[in-house]
Amino acid sequence: MSVAITDDELKQRTEALIEEVDPHANDQYTFRGAQYDAGLAFVHFPEGKGGLGLSRSKQSIVDQVLRDAKVPYHDLMVNPIGIGMGAPVVLNHGTEEMHEKHLKKIFTGEDIWCQLFSEPTHGSDVAGIPSRAIRDGDEWLVNGQKVWTTLAHLSNYGMLLTRTNPDTPKHKGLSYFILDMHSPGVEVRPLYQ
């Protein structure tokens, strides 16, 4: 349950955060961790998960206060794919355990995320990807390649899209996995022209 917060109160909370946890005297993880704990990371997320249960539009108030205070690393460029895509998917489709494991670390940048969608033979035709995931007991075995993966060389996790049912039309039978980029068999190489 969220409490109504005025724009001025939101601004004051953000200013108080800056005063309490000086972003110029602390590292990115400390400040952004405190921002998450204060509900000022994703204000539209629920309380306790980096937010305050407010309208998404209210994030601009927090962001403006951070910009005005010249807070370094105040925007999503710390982890653009994780913040922009990974966190919302984890929040909406993940378990409580996944929320605890991933949301804060995505926001702080402790865990950088990448997306693993495009493939050498299919480029932007995501629906036609040939990579496969086959169930093996409690695990999935994945076989395939991905390309043009921004931040893969820095990422701890990847949002992996792969085919789990080859007997359906190409726009169906796809599944989204959270892949630990340090798993056995995962190899990250630069793409040269």
Foldseek 3Di string as FASTA:
>chain_A
DADDDDLVRVLVLLVVLCVVQPLVVDDLLVSQLSQQQSQLQQQCAPHPLSHRVDDSVSNVSSLVSCVVVVRPPSDCVLAVCCSVPVLVCCRVPNDPVSSVVPRSCNRSSVAHEKEFAAAPVQGPVRLQDAWEWEDDPPDIDIDGDGDPIPCLVPGQWYFYKHAHDPVDRSNDRIDTDIGGCPDPPRDDDDDDD
